[in-house]
C-alpha cells in the first residue's frame, strides 16, 4: 500500500504494519482515541499504544502517557501493563503470556476517568508454518504495459480448521554492499599542497537493511477447497528494482489465527486502502473497532485489540539461489570522479588551486564524498583525489553496520 492507500486523519495507528497516512485538514474535526495492540502466545513482552488522532501533517501525534491499562482473562486474572513512555504500555513477559483457548479483554482508564474496554477476544490455535519457498515470477506494471521480473515468496502450512481465518505479516532483512566505499580520510595540514591522507578506521561498505510489511495479507480457509494453506503468496521482489537479492536476503513470516470479526476488520481496511484515487470514496470511520467507551458507547474509538496465536518461520535466500533462475539484477547508479588542482585552473590571475581547494569544491560546494587518493606509480606522488556521492560510499546512510543476532551467512 502506498501513500494513497491510507485515507484520513485518524490512521495514526499501524496495528503491527507500517501505514503511510494521509492528513487532510477537516472542518469540525474531533480528536479520537486510537488503540494499537496485539497479544500472542509467544514468550515475549506485548505492547499497547494509546494516542489521539491529529488533524494535519503539521500536528504532532498526541500519545496518552497517563492511562491505566490492563488485560483480563476468562479465569479471573488481571494483568497491569507498565507505562513505557510515548504512549506505550508493556506486559511483563514473565508474568503474562497469551494462551490458546483463553479469552482476553483489554481495559483502558484515562486520566480524566474515561473507561474503555474491548470485546472479549478468544485466542484460536494456529497451524504450524510448514515451508517458505521462492519461484521465478513477473509482475505487470504501468497499467500492464510493462513488467518487472523477480521472485515471489510463498508459504505452505499444515492443516488448520474449517472456516479458520488467517493474517500474515513479515519482516525483511538483507545484506548489501555499497559500490564505492570510503577508505581514506583527507586531513588538512599547514601546507594546502601537502595534505595527510590516512586510512579510515572503519570501512562502511557492508550493512544490513530491514523492513516490516505494510500490506494487509488475510485469508479464510473457506475460500479454498482444503483447510491446508498451499502456495499462499507473501511477497514479490523485483530483482532489477531492489538491492535485496544481491548478497543475501532473509524473511521472517508470521502466521496468525484471527477471529471472524478481526478478519472482517482487516478486510474492511483493505477495501478502504484499495479505494483508489478517490480518497473519500469510503470513510475509514465506518471500519468498526472492537474497543468501546463503557460510559458512552456512541463514542468512536479507532484501532483493534488483536488476540492471535502465531506460528513463524524464517527463510534465507542467498544470491546464488536467485542467480540460477537467470534473472537480471539491480545495478547501483554510482559513479566516481577524479580531480586534481589543475582541473580548476581559470584564465584569471588567481593563485594556483590546491588540494584543499579540490576538497572544498567537491565536498562543501558540491556535496560529494572523498573516498581515496591516486598516486603516481613511479614517484609515489599524489595525482588525483577520487570522489563519489555519499550514498555510494557509506552503507550506514541506508542501513546498519550491526549484524542482526539471527543472521548466518549462507552464500
Protein backbone atom coordinates (compact mmCIF):
# COMPACT_ATOMS: atom_id res chain seq x y z
CA UNK A 1 0.00 0.00 0.00
CA UNK A 2 1.40 3.41 -0.91
CA UNK A 3 0.77 6.88 0.40
CA UNK A 4 -2.56 6.95 -1.40
CA UNK A 5 -3.67 3.86 0.48
CA UNK A 6 -4.47 5.30 3.84
CA UNK A 7 -7.11 7.88 3.81
CA UNK A 8 -7.81 10.19 6.65
CA UNK A 9 -6.62 11.92 9.69
CA UNK A 10 -7.08 9.06 12.08
CA UNK A 11 -4.73 6.43 10.69
CA UNK A 12 -2.03 7.12 13.20
CA UNK A 13 -2.14 3.52 14.25
CA UNK A 14 -0.32 0.82 12.31
CA UNK A 15 -1.59 -2.29 14.03
CA UNK A 16 1.69 -4.14 13.51
CA UNK A 17 2.03 -2.84 9.96
CA UNK A 18 3.56 0.33 8.58
CA UNK A 19 0.89 2.53 7.01
CA UNK A 20 1.73 5.86 5.39
CA UNK A 21 -1.02 8.26 6.47
CA UNK A 22 -2.82 10.95 4.50
CA UNK A 23 -3.57 14.05 6.54
CA UNK A 24 -6.31 16.29 5.09
CA UNK A 25 -7.35 19.20 7.27
CA UNK A 26 -11.01 18.83 8.12
CA UNK A 27 -13.57 21.25 9.50
CA UNK A 28 -15.40 20.11 12.60
CA UNK A 29 -12.50 17.83 13.46
CA UNK A 30 -12.69 15.86 16.73
CA UNK A 31 -9.73 14.05 18.25
CA UNK A 32 -10.39 10.34 18.76
CA UNK A 33 -8.72 7.67 20.86
CA UNK A 34 -6.53 5.28 18.89
CA UNK A 35 -5.63 1.91 20.40
CA UNK A 36 -2.98 -0.37 18.88
CA UNK A 37 -2.35 -3.74 20.45
CA UNK A 38 -1.51 -7.36 19.76
CA UNK A 39 -1.01 -10.25 22.17
CA UNK A 40 0.02 -13.73 21.06
CA UNK A 41 1.19 -16.97 22.62
CA UNK A 42 4.84 -16.05 22.02
CA UNK A 43 7.16 -15.79 25.00
CA UNK A 44 7.72 -12.06 24.76
CA UNK A 45 6.53 -8.72 26.07
CA UNK A 46 3.43 -7.32 24.39
CA UNK A 47 2.69 -3.64 23.84
CA UNK A 48 -0.42 -1.49 23.73
CA UNK A 49 -0.07 2.01 22.29
CA UNK A 50 -2.54 4.78 23.07
CA UNK A 51 -2.75 8.04 21.17
CA UNK A 52 -5.12 10.70 19.91
CA UNK A 53 -5.78 11.41 16.26
CA UNK A 54 -4.29 14.58 14.82
CA UNK A 55 -5.69 16.94 12.23
CA UNK A 56 -2.94 17.52 9.66
CA UNK A 57 0.66 16.78 8.79
CA UNK A 58 1.90 19.75 10.81
CA UNK A 59 0.45 18.33 14.01
CA UNK A 60 2.36 16.08 16.36
CA UNK A 61 0.65 12.81 17.39
CA UNK A 62 -0.55 13.10 20.96
CA UNK A 63 0.40 9.99 22.92
CA UNK A 64 -1.55 9.16 26.06
CA UNK A 65 1.06 8.66 28.75
CA UNK A 66 -1.01 8.70 31.93
CA UNK A 67 -3.60 5.95 31.46
CA UNK A 68 -4.10 2.73 33.42
CA UNK A 69 -4.01 -0.24 31.06
CA UNK A 70 -4.75 -3.85 31.96
CA UNK A 71 -5.69 -7.17 30.35
CA UNK A 72 -8.07 -9.65 31.97
CA UNK A 73 -8.78 -13.28 31.05
CA UNK A 74 -11.72 -15.63 31.47
CA UNK A 75 -10.07 -17.23 34.52
CA UNK A 76 -10.48 -14.04 36.51
CA UNK A 77 -6.83 -12.97 36.22
CA UNK A 78 -5.92 -9.36 35.58
CA UNK A 79 -2.53 -8.11 34.39
CA UNK A 80 -1.48 -4.47 34.56
CA UNK A 81 0.82 -3.07 31.90
CA UNK A 82 3.79 -0.86 32.65
CA UNK A 83 3.85 2.67 31.27
CA UNK A 84 6.90 2.87 28.99
CA UNK A 85 6.52 6.45 27.67
CA UNK A 86 5.49 7.59 24.18
CA UNK A 87 2.06 6.08 24.75
CA UNK A 88 3.45 2.55 25.07
CA UNK A 89 2.25 0.16 27.76
CA UNK A 90 4.07 -3.17 28.11
CA UNK A 91 3.36 -6.51 29.73
CA UNK A 92 5.89 -8.41 31.83
CA UNK A 93 6.96 -11.45 29.77
CA UNK A 94 7.44 -13.47 32.97
CA UNK A 95 4.04 -12.67 34.46
CA UNK A 96 1.88 -12.74 31.34
CA UNK A 97 1.78 -14.84 28.19
CA UNK A 98 -1.17 -15.41 25.89
CA UNK A 99 -2.63 -18.92 25.91
CA UNK A 100 -4.59 -20.64 23.16
CA UNK A 101 -8.16 -21.29 24.30
CA UNK A 102 -8.27 -18.29 26.67
CA UNK A 103 -10.41 -15.19 26.18
CA UNK A 104 -8.93 -11.74 26.82
CA UNK A 105 -10.33 -8.25 27.35
CA UNK A 106 -8.33 -5.02 27.17
CA UNK A 107 -9.16 -2.30 29.73
CA UNK A 108 -8.09 1.35 29.47
CA UNK A 109 -8.83 4.05 32.04
CA UNK A 110 -7.67 7.54 31.09
CA UNK A 111 -6.58 10.26 33.49
CA UNK A 112 -9.90 12.07 33.08
CA UNK A 113 -11.83 8.98 34.13
CA UNK A 114 -12.98 7.71 30.73
CA UNK A 115 -13.17 3.90 30.68
CA UNK A 116 -12.68 1.82 27.54
CA UNK A 117 -13.00 -1.91 27.07
CA UNK A 118 -12.52 -4.29 24.18
CA UNK A 119 -14.88 -7.04 23.16
CA UNK A 120 -13.91 -10.45 24.61
CA UNK A 121 -11.25 -11.87 22.26
CA UNK A 122 -10.71 -15.62 22.04
CA UNK A 123 -7.25 -16.90 21.12
CA UNK A 124 -7.63 -19.51 18.39
CA UNK A 125 -4.97 -22.10 17.66
CA UNK A 126 -2.90 -21.66 14.53
CA UNK A 127 -1.44 -24.39 12.30
CA UNK A 128 2.34 -24.57 12.03
CA UNK A 129 4.03 -22.96 9.05
CA UNK A 130 5.33 -25.85 7.00
CA UNK A 131 7.59 -24.20 4.46
CA UNK A 132 8.53 -20.94 2.77
CA UNK A 133 9.87 -21.07 -0.77
CA UNK A 134 10.51 -18.95 -3.84
CA UNK A 135 9.71 -19.13 -7.54
CA UNK A 136 10.66 -17.07 -10.56
CA UNK A 137 7.86 -14.66 -11.40
CA UNK A 138 6.99 -11.41 -13.11
CA UNK A 139 4.64 -8.55 -12.29
CA UNK A 140 2.84 -6.28 -14.73
CA UNK A 141 3.38 -2.55 -14.18
CA UNK A 142 2.48 0.78 -15.82
CA UNK A 143 -1.14 -0.19 -16.49
CA UNK A 144 0.01 -3.62 -17.66
CA UNK A 145 2.16 -2.16 -20.43
CA UNK A 146 5.41 -3.32 -18.85
CA UNK A 147 6.65 -5.98 -16.49
CA UNK A 148 9.17 -6.46 -13.72
CA UNK A 149 10.85 -9.83 -13.30
CA UNK A 150 11.85 -11.22 -9.96
CA UNK A 151 10.81 -13.77 -7.38
CA UNK A 152 7.62 -14.48 -5.49
CA UNK A 153 7.75 -15.82 -1.94
CA UNK A 154 5.12 -18.39 -0.96
CA UNK A 155 4.04 -20.11 2.23
CA UNK A 156 2.58 -23.55 2.95
CA UNK A 157 1.18 -24.51 6.34
CA UNK A 158 -0.08 -27.66 7.97
CA UNK A 159 -3.79 -28.48 8.19
CA UNK A 160 -5.94 -25.98 10.04
CA UNK A 161 -9.59 -25.93 10.99
CA UNK A 162 -12.63 -25.49 8.80
CA UNK A 163 -13.59 -21.84 8.42
CA UNK A 164 -10.35 -20.65 10.00
CA UNK A 165 -9.17 -17.10 9.41
CA UNK A 166 -5.55 -16.09 8.85
CA UNK A 167 -3.41 -13.00 8.72
CA UNK A 168 0.27 -12.78 7.73
CA UNK A 169 2.98 -10.23 8.41
CA UNK A 170 6.65 -10.39 7.51
CA UNK A 171 9.96 -8.80 8.41
CA UNK A 172 12.61 -8.45 5.72
CA UNK A 173 16.34 -8.20 6.33
CA UNK A 174 19.04 -8.12 3.70
CA UNK A 175 22.77 -7.66 3.45
CA UNK A 176 24.14 -5.16 0.95
CA UNK A 177 27.41 -3.56 -0.08
CA UNK A 178 27.93 -0.05 -1.42
CA UNK A 179 29.98 0.02 -4.63
CA UNK A 180 32.40 2.84 -3.76
CA UNK A 181 33.19 2.70 -0.03
CA UNK A 182 35.19 5.46 1.60
CA UNK A 183 38.60 4.04 2.52
CA UNK A 184 40.65 7.17 3.25
CA UNK A 185 40.31 10.46 5.12
CA UNK A 186 41.69 13.76 3.83
CA UNK A 187 43.37 15.76 6.62
CA UNK A 188 44.42 19.35 6.07
CA UNK A 189 47.90 20.48 7.09
CA UNK A 190 49.70 23.84 7.25
CA UNK A 191 50.65 23.27 3.62
CA UNK A 192 47.49 23.00 1.42
CA UNK A 193 49.59 21.35 -1.27
CA UNK A 194 50.70 18.55 1.03
CA UNK A 195 47.74 17.07 2.92
CA UNK A 196 47.75 13.96 5.10
CA UNK A 197 45.74 11.09 3.67
CA UNK A 198 45.15 8.26 6.13
CA UNK A 199 43.08 5.07 6.02
CA UNK A 200 39.70 5.25 7.77
CA UNK A 201 39.32 3.24 10.96
CA UNK A 202 36.10 1.57 9.76
CA UNK A 203 35.23 0.98 6.13
CA UNK A 204 31.44 1.27 5.93
CA UNK A 205 30.92 -0.92 2.92
CA UNK A 206 28.70 -3.78 4.17
CA UNK A 207 25.47 -3.19 6.09
CA UNK A 208 22.05 -4.68 6.74
CA UNK A 209 18.65 -3.18 5.98
CA UNK A 210 15.30 -4.23 7.40
CA UNK A 211 11.68 -3.51 6.61
CA UNK A 212 8.33 -4.59 8.05
CA UNK A 213 5.37 -5.49 5.86
CA UNK A 214 2.97 -2.69 5.02
CA UNK A 215 0.18 -4.57 3.28
CA UNK A 216 -2.80 -6.45 4.61
CA UNK A 217 -2.48 -10.19 3.94
CA UNK A 218 -5.55 -12.13 5.08
CA UNK A 219 -7.39 -15.27 4.03
CA UNK A 220 -10.23 -17.51 5.12
CA UNK A 221 -9.86 -21.27 4.74
CA UNK A 222 -13.41 -21.27 3.39
CA UNK A 223 -12.01 -19.54 0.29
CA UNK A 224 -10.11 -22.73 -0.61
CA UNK A 225 -11.09 -26.30 -1.29
CA UNK A 226 -8.95 -27.55 1.58
CA UNK A 227 -8.21 -26.47 5.15
CA UNK A 228 -4.49 -26.56 4.33
CA UNK A 229 -2.85 -23.33 3.19
CA UNK A 230 -0.94 -24.02 -0.03
CA UNK A 231 1.15 -21.57 -2.03
CA UNK A 232 -0.05 -18.51 -0.16
CA UNK A 233 1.63 -15.51 -1.85
CA UNK A 234 3.50 -13.36 0.64
CA UNK A 235 5.69 -11.00 -1.36
CA UNK A 236 7.03 -10.24 -4.83
CA UNK A 237 10.56 -8.81 -5.16
CA UNK A 238 11.75 -7.32 -8.42
CA UNK A 239 15.38 -8.38 -8.92
CA UNK A 240 16.13 -5.31 -11.06
CA UNK A 241 14.43 -2.69 -8.87
CA UNK A 242 15.92 -3.54 -5.46
CA UNK A 243 19.27 -4.42 -3.89
CA UNK A 244 17.57 -7.04 -1.68
CA UNK A 245 18.85 -10.05 -3.63
CA UNK A 246 22.44 -9.01 -4.38
CA UNK A 247 24.13 -10.82 -1.46
CA UNK A 248 21.70 -12.48 0.94
CA UNK A 249 18.08 -11.88 1.84
CA UNK A 250 16.13 -13.15 4.83
CA UNK A 251 12.41 -13.03 5.54
CA UNK A 252 10.58 -13.91 8.75
CA UNK A 253 6.92 -14.70 8.09
CA UNK A 254 4.39 -14.74 10.92
CA UNK A 255 1.09 -16.56 10.54
CA UNK A 256 -1.73 -15.52 12.87
CA UNK A 257 -5.04 -17.14 13.70
CA UNK A 258 -7.69 -14.46 13.90
CA UNK A 259 -11.38 -14.32 14.68
CA UNK A 260 -14.06 -13.75 12.08
CA UNK A 261 -14.63 -10.24 13.47
CA UNK A 262 -10.95 -9.38 13.17
CA UNK A 263 -10.89 -10.82 9.66
CA UNK A 264 -13.78 -8.52 8.75
CA UNK A 265 -11.94 -5.55 10.29
CA UNK A 266 -8.83 -6.19 8.18
CA UNK A 267 -10.92 -6.90 5.10
CA UNK A 268 -12.72 -3.56 5.50
CA UNK A 269 -9.39 -1.80 6.00
CA UNK A 270 -8.06 -3.47 2.88
CA UNK A 271 -11.04 -2.27 0.85
CA UNK A 272 -10.54 1.27 2.14
CA UNK A 273 -6.84 1.14 1.23
CA UNK A 274 -7.63 -0.09 -2.26
CA UNK A 275 -10.30 2.55 -2.88
CA UNK A 276 -8.02 4.28 -5.40
CA UNK A 277 -7.55 7.93 -6.16
CA UNK A 278 -10.89 8.98 -4.69
CA UNK A 279 -9.59 9.10 -1.15
CA UNK A 280 -13.02 9.83 0.33
CA UNK A 281 -14.85 7.11 -1.61
CA UNK A 282 -15.04 5.06 1.60
CA UNK A 283 -14.71 6.57 5.03
CA UNK A 284 -12.38 4.72 7.42
CA UNK A 285 -14.66 5.90 10.22
CA UNK A 286 -17.03 3.12 9.14
CA UNK A 287 -14.42 0.43 9.91
CA UNK A 288 -15.66 -0.99 13.18
CA UNK A 289 -13.31 -1.21 16.15
CA UNK A 290 -13.71 -3.80 18.90
CA UNK A 291 -12.99 -1.18 21.58
CA UNK A 292 -15.72 0.92 23.20
CA UNK A 293 -16.26 3.64 25.75
CA UNK A 294 -18.16 1.94 28.59
CA UNK A 295 -19.98 5.12 29.62
CA UNK A 296 -20.52 6.44 26.11
CA UNK A 297 -20.97 3.57 23.62
CA UNK A 298 -21.58 6.06 20.78
CA UNK A 299 -18.05 7.47 21.03
CA UNK A 300 -15.88 6.44 18.10
CA UNK A 301 -12.71 4.59 19.03
CA UNK A 302 -10.14 3.65 16.40
CA UNK A 303 -7.91 0.61 16.21
CA UNK A 304 -8.30 -3.03 17.14
CA UNK A 305 -7.23 -5.14 20.09
CA UNK A 306 -5.78 -8.24 18.45
CA UNK A 307 -5.53 -11.63 20.10
CA UNK A 308 -3.87 -14.28 17.93
CA UNK A 309 -1.79 -17.39 18.26
CA UNK A 310 1.24 -17.18 15.99
CA UNK A 311 3.48 -19.54 14.05
CA UNK A 312 6.57 -18.19 12.35
CA UNK A 313 9.31 -19.35 10.05
CA UNK A 314 12.42 -17.76 8.55
CA UNK A 315 13.72 -18.25 5.02
CA UNK A 316 17.24 -17.27 3.93
CA UNK A 317 17.73 -16.61 0.23
CA UNK A 318 21.37 -16.33 -0.94
CA UNK A 319 22.33 -14.68 -4.22
CA UNK A 320 23.19 -18.00 -5.88
CA UNK A 321 19.61 -19.32 -5.50
CA UNK A 322 18.26 -16.36 -7.43
CA UNK A 323 21.12 -16.24 -9.95
CA UNK A 324 20.30 -19.80 -11.03
CA UNK A 325 16.92 -18.52 -12.22
CA UNK A 326 18.60 -16.38 -14.87
CA UNK A 327 17.24 -13.09 -13.56
CA UNK A 328 18.69 -9.65 -14.21
CA UNK A 329 19.94 -7.91 -11.08
CA UNK A 330 19.83 -4.43 -9.63
CA UNK A 331 22.60 -2.05 -10.68
CA UNK A 332 23.66 0.78 -8.37
CA UNK A 333 23.60 4.15 -10.12
CA UNK A 334 27.00 5.12 -8.72
CA UNK A 335 29.96 6.77 -10.42
CA UNK A 336 33.33 8.09 -9.33
CA UNK A 337 35.06 11.33 -10.33
CA UNK A 338 38.79 12.08 -10.20
CA UNK A 339 40.04 15.62 -9.74
CA UNK A 340 43.36 17.41 -9.32
CA UNK A 341 44.09 21.12 -8.68
CA UNK A 342 44.83 21.64 -12.36
CA UNK A 343 41.23 20.79 -13.24
CA UNK A 344 40.13 24.05 -11.62
CA UNK A 345 42.55 26.48 -13.28
CA UNK A 346 40.97 29.60 -14.79
CA UNK A 347 42.07 32.38 -17.15
CA UNK A 348 42.22 34.91 -14.33
CA UNK A 349 45.40 35.76 -12.47
CA UNK A 350 44.27 33.76 -9.46
CA UNK A 351 46.58 31.84 -7.18
CA UNK A 352 47.05 28.22 -8.29
CA UNK A 353 44.45 25.87 -6.85
CA UNK A 354 45.49 23.49 -4.10
CA UNK A 355 44.38 20.07 -2.88
CA UNK A 356 42.43 21.88 -0.16
CA UNK A 357 40.57 23.76 -2.90
CA UNK A 358 39.68 20.49 -4.59
CA UNK A 359 38.25 19.17 -1.32
CA UNK A 360 36.26 22.35 -0.77
CA UNK A 361 34.78 22.39 -4.28
CA UNK A 362 33.73 18.75 -4.20
CA UNK A 363 32.70 18.14 -0.57
CA UNK A 364 31.44 21.52 0.63
CA UNK A 365 30.21 23.20 -2.54
CA UNK A 366 29.05 20.05 -4.35
CA UNK A 367 28.24 17.61 -1.50
CA UNK A 368 30.35 14.72 -2.78
CA UNK A 369 32.49 12.44 -0.63
CA UNK A 370 36.22 11.91 -0.91
CA UNK A 371 36.90 8.16 -0.89
CA UNK A 372 40.52 7.54 -1.91
CA UNK A 373 43.67 9.04 -3.44
CA UNK A 374 45.51 8.11 -6.61
CA UNK A 375 49.31 8.19 -6.71
CA UNK A 376 51.95 8.21 -9.42
CA UNK A 377 53.26 4.66 -9.53
CA UNK A 378 56.81 5.84 -10.20
CA UNK A 379 57.33 8.80 -7.89
CA UNK A 380 54.55 7.98 -5.43
CA UNK A 381 53.23 11.50 -5.79
CA UNK A 382 49.56 12.38 -5.26
CA UNK A 383 48.00 12.91 -8.68
CA UNK A 384 44.19 12.80 -8.11
CA UNK A 385 41.51 12.63 -5.46
CA UNK A 386 38.56 10.29 -6.07
CA UNK A 387 35.01 11.32 -5.17
CA UNK A 388 31.55 9.78 -5.27
CA UNK A 389 28.06 10.51 -3.97
CA UNK A 390 27.61 10.00 -0.24
CA UNK A 391 25.05 7.20 -0.57
CA UNK A 392 27.52 5.24 -2.71
CA UNK A 393 30.27 5.38 -0.11
CA UNK A 394 28.64 4.89 3.30
CA UNK A 395 26.26 1.98 3.82
CA UNK A 396 25.11 3.40 7.17
CA UNK A 397 23.14 6.04 5.30
CA UNK A 398 20.69 3.29 4.30
CA UNK A 399 21.29 0.54 6.85
CA UNK A 400 23.25 -0.52 9.91
CA UNK A 401 26.73 -1.95 10.39
CA UNK A 402 25.44 -4.14 13.22
CA UNK A 403 24.79 -7.68 12.07
CA UNK A 404 21.42 -8.97 13.29
CA UNK A 405 21.63 -11.55 16.06
CA UNK A 406 19.85 -14.18 13.96
CA UNK A 407 21.99 -13.65 10.86
CA UNK A 408 24.00 -16.53 9.41
CA UNK A 409 25.78 -16.19 6.09
CA UNK A 410 24.69 -18.95 3.70
CA UNK A 411 26.18 -17.72 0.43
